[in-house]
C-alpha atoms as a PDB file:
ATOM      1  CA  PRO A   1     110.869 121.640 115.983  1.00  0.00           C
ATOM      2  CA  LEU A   2     107.167 121.609 116.696  1.00  0.00           C
ATOM      3  CA  SER A   3     105.775 123.313 119.787  1.00  0.00           C
ATOM      4  CA  THR A   4     105.310 120.006 121.616  1.00  0.00           C
ATOM      5  CA  SER A   5     108.939 118.943 121.084  1.00  0.00           C
ATOM      6  CA  HIS A   6     110.673 121.609 123.185  1.00  0.00           C
ATOM      7  CA  THR A   7     112.834 120.439 126.068  1.00  0.00           C
ATOM      8  CA  ALA A   8     111.738 120.524 129.674  1.00  0.00           C
ATOM      9  CA  GLY A   9     112.105 123.874 131.369  1.00  0.00           C
ATOM     10  CA  GLN A  10     111.317 125.923 128.299  1.00  0.00           C
ATOM     11  CA  LYS A  11     108.318 128.175 128.822  1.00  0.00           C
ATOM     12  CA  LYS A  12     106.522 127.653 125.512  1.00  0.00           C
ATOM     13  CA  SER A  13     102.932 126.809 124.819  1.00  0.00           C
ATOM     14  CA  ASP A  14     102.250 123.527 123.062  1.00  0.00           C
ATOM     15  CA  GLN A  15      99.425 125.273 121.175  1.00  0.00           C
ATOM     16  CA  CYS A  16      99.912 125.357 117.416  1.00  0.00           C
ATOM     17  CA  PRO A  17     101.418 128.798 116.697  1.00  0.00           C
ATOM     18  CA  LEU A  18      99.784 128.812 113.243  1.00  0.00           C
ATOM     19  CA  CYS A  19      96.113 128.030 113.908  1.00  0.00           C
ATOM     20  CA  LYS A  20      96.066 128.347 117.718  1.00  0.00           C
ATOM     21  CA  VAL A  21      93.311 125.707 117.801  1.00  0.00           C
ATOM     22  CA  GLU A  22      94.980 122.639 119.300  1.00  0.00           C
ATOM     23  CA  PRO A  23      98.412 121.363 120.342  1.00  0.00           C
ATOM     24  CA  GLU A  24     101.012 121.248 117.586  1.00  0.00           C
ATOM     25  CA  THR A  25     101.652 117.526 117.448  1.00  0.00           C
ATOM     26  CA  VAL A  26     103.121 115.674 114.486  1.00  0.00           C
ATOM     27  CA  ILE A  27      99.618 114.478 113.508  1.00  0.00           C
ATOM     28  CA  HIS A  28      98.232 118.016 113.732  1.00  0.00           C
ATOM     29  CA  PHE A  29     101.121 119.447 111.711  1.00  0.00           C
ATOM     30  CA  LEU A  30     101.043 116.798 108.963  1.00  0.00           C
ATOM     31  CA  LEU A  31      97.282 116.273 108.664  1.00  0.00           C
ATOM     32  CA  TYR A  32      95.085 118.833 110.376  1.00  0.00           C
ATOM     33  CA  CYS A  33      96.437 122.376 110.752  1.00  0.00           C
ATOM     34  CA  GLU A  34      94.095 124.461 108.581  1.00  0.00           C
ATOM     35  CA  ILE A  35      96.740 127.116 107.958  1.00  0.00           C
ATOM     36  CA  LEU A  36      98.769 124.484 106.066  1.00  0.00           C
ATOM     37  CA  ALA A  37      95.791 122.948 104.244  1.00  0.00           C
ATOM     38  CA  GLU A  38      96.523 124.437 100.809  1.00  0.00           C
ATOM     39  CA  ALA A  39     100.188 123.412 100.954  1.00  0.00           C
ATOM     40  CA  ARG A  40      99.229 119.906 102.093  1.00  0.00           C
ATOM     41  CA  ARG A  41      96.302 119.194  99.754  1.00  0.00           C
ATOM     42  CA  PRO A  42      98.037 118.150  96.491  1.00  0.00           C
ATOM     43  CA  TYR A  43     100.505 115.894  98.284  1.00  0.00           C
ATOM     44  CA  LEU A  44      97.979 114.327 100.622  1.00  0.00           C
ATOM     45  CA  GLN A  45      95.704 113.429  97.712  1.00  0.00           C
ATOM     46  CA  ARG A  46      98.561 111.488  96.079  1.00  0.00           C
ATOM     47  CA  ILE A  47      99.450 109.824  99.392  1.00  0.00           C
ATOM     48  CA  LEU A  48      95.840 108.712  99.899  1.00  0.00           C
ATOM     49  CA  GLU A  49      95.772 107.323  96.346  1.00  0.00           C
ATOM     50  CA  THR A  50      98.888 105.279  97.133  1.00  0.00           C
ATOM     51  CA  CYS A  51      97.259 103.969 100.321  1.00  0.00           C
ATOM     52  CA  ARG A  52      94.167 102.928  98.371  1.00  0.00           C
ATOM     53  CA  ARG A  53      96.299 101.233  95.729  1.00  0.00           C
ATOM     54  CA  PHE A  54      98.101  99.182  98.379  1.00  0.00           C
ATOM     55  CA  ARG A  55      94.913  98.753 100.457  1.00  0.00           C
ATOM     56  CA  VAL A  56      96.524 100.362 103.488  1.00  0.00           C
ATOM     57  CA  SER A  57      94.455 101.869 106.289  1.00  0.00           C
ATOM     58  CA  VAL A  58      94.255 105.648 106.283  1.00  0.00           C
ATOM     59  CA  ASP A  59      93.593 106.194 109.975  1.00  0.00           C
ATOM     60  CA  PRO A  60      95.650 109.167 111.246  1.00  0.00           C
ATOM     61  CA  ASP A  61      98.328 107.143 113.067  1.00  0.00           C
ATOM     62  CA  THR A  62      98.970 104.840 110.101  1.00  0.00           C
ATOM     63  CA  LEU A  63      98.896 107.736 107.667  1.00  0.00           C
ATOM     64  CA  VAL A  64     101.559 109.597 109.670  1.00  0.00           C
ATOM     65  CA  LYS A  65     103.723 106.458 109.754  1.00  0.00           C
ATOM     66  CA  ILE A  66     103.387 106.135 105.975  1.00  0.00           C
ATOM     67  CA  ILE A  67     104.276 109.799 105.482  1.00  0.00           C
ATOM     68  CA  LEU A  68     107.344 109.607 107.708  1.00  0.00           C
ATOM     69  CA  ASP A  69     108.596 106.158 106.705  1.00  0.00           C
ATOM     70  CA  ASN A  70     108.142 104.554 103.298  1.00  0.00           C
ATOM     71  CA  ASN A  71     108.809 101.136 104.880  1.00  0.00           C
ATOM     72  CA  HIS A  72     105.235 101.077 106.181  1.00  0.00           C
ATOM     73  CA  LEU A  73     103.987 100.350 102.654  1.00  0.00           C
ATOM     74  CA  PRO A  74     103.760  96.744 101.468  1.00  0.00           C
ATOM     75  CA  GLU A  75     106.021  97.515  98.488  1.00  0.00           C
ATOM     76  CA  ASP A  76     108.836  99.939  97.775  1.00  0.00           C
ATOM     77  CA  ASP A  77     107.355 102.957  96.014  1.00  0.00           C
ATOM     78  CA  LYS A  78     109.938 105.618  95.111  1.00  0.00           C
ATOM     79  CA  HIS A  79     107.235 107.968  93.818  1.00  0.00           C
ATOM     80  CA  HIS A  80     105.548 107.845  97.234  1.00  0.00           C
ATOM     81  CA  GLU A  81     108.836 108.550  98.978  1.00  0.00           C
ATOM     82  CA  VAL A  82     109.430 111.667  96.853  1.00  0.00           C
ATOM     83  CA  THR A  83     105.839 112.843  97.418  1.00  0.00           C
ATOM     84  CA  THR A  84     106.025 112.497 101.192  1.00  0.00           C
ATOM     85  CA  ARG A  85     109.472 114.090 101.396  1.00  0.00           C
ATOM     86  CA  ASN A  86     108.275 117.035  99.325  1.00  0.00           C
ATOM     87  CA  MET A  87     105.126 117.416 101.425  1.00  0.00           C
ATOM     88  CA  VAL A  88     107.012 117.504 104.717  1.00  0.00           C
ATOM     89  CA  PHE A  89     109.503 120.009 103.307  1.00  0.00           C
ATOM     90  CA  LYS A  90     106.703 122.189 101.904  1.00  0.00           C
ATOM     91  CA  LEU A  91     104.830 122.183 105.240  1.00  0.00           C
ATOM     92  CA  HIS A  92     107.989 122.947 107.188  1.00  0.00           C
ATOM     93  CA  SER A  93     108.923 125.748 104.770  1.00  0.00           C
ATOM     94  CA  LYS A  94     105.461 127.317 104.929  1.00  0.00           C
ATOM     95  CA  ARG A  95     105.462 127.100 108.738  1.00  0.00           C
ATOM     96  CA  ALA A  96     108.871 128.770 108.907  1.00  0.00           C
ATOM     97  CA  VAL A  97     107.845 131.583 106.569  1.00  0.00           C
ATOM     98  CA  ILE A  98     104.577 132.236 108.432  1.00  0.00           C
ATOM     99  CA  LEU A  99     106.345 132.321 111.779  1.00  0.00           C
ATOM    100  CA  GLY A 100     108.949 134.710 110.409  1.00  0.00           C
ATOM    101  CA  GLY A 101     111.894 132.352 110.437  1.00  0.00           C
ATOM    102  CA  GLY A 102     112.051 131.685 106.720  1.00  0.00           C
ATOM    103  CA  LEU A 103     114.474 129.095 105.436  1.00  0.00           C
ATOM    104  CA  GLY A 104     116.701 131.331 103.403  1.00  0.00           C
ATOM    105  CA  ILE A 105     116.301 129.005 100.446  1.00  0.00           C
ATOM    106  CA  TYR A 106     115.518 130.300  96.994  1.00  0.00           C
ATOM    107  CA  THR A 107     112.760 128.190  95.492  1.00  0.00           C
ATOM    108  CA  GLY A 108     112.223 130.138  92.295  1.00  0.00           C
ATOM    109  CA  ASN A 109     108.738 131.211  93.431  1.00  0.00           C
ATOM    110  CA  HIS A 110     108.038 134.924  93.695  1.00  0.00           C
END
């Protein structure tokens, strides 16, 4: 869970624990956190190309909807679905490793 998604009563900051620049919202996590920029870049470029191909707006709110739900595209695009799923997993994995939680999953990378 992101910092802003903790339940009431928990004493946690909503500040992004990675960059410590702004609150860790879904938009920040998926699009803006600089610590995740390298992990995000190759996927986001492909996602933006898909948006251009379908002439879909790339404002942050729409872009997040398209990343989280393939149904926001005018046509079914399985390649896009795989790209977005992989991006979210990669960002989550990198976040977990940086914060010391790790995922305990062998990815073949050393």
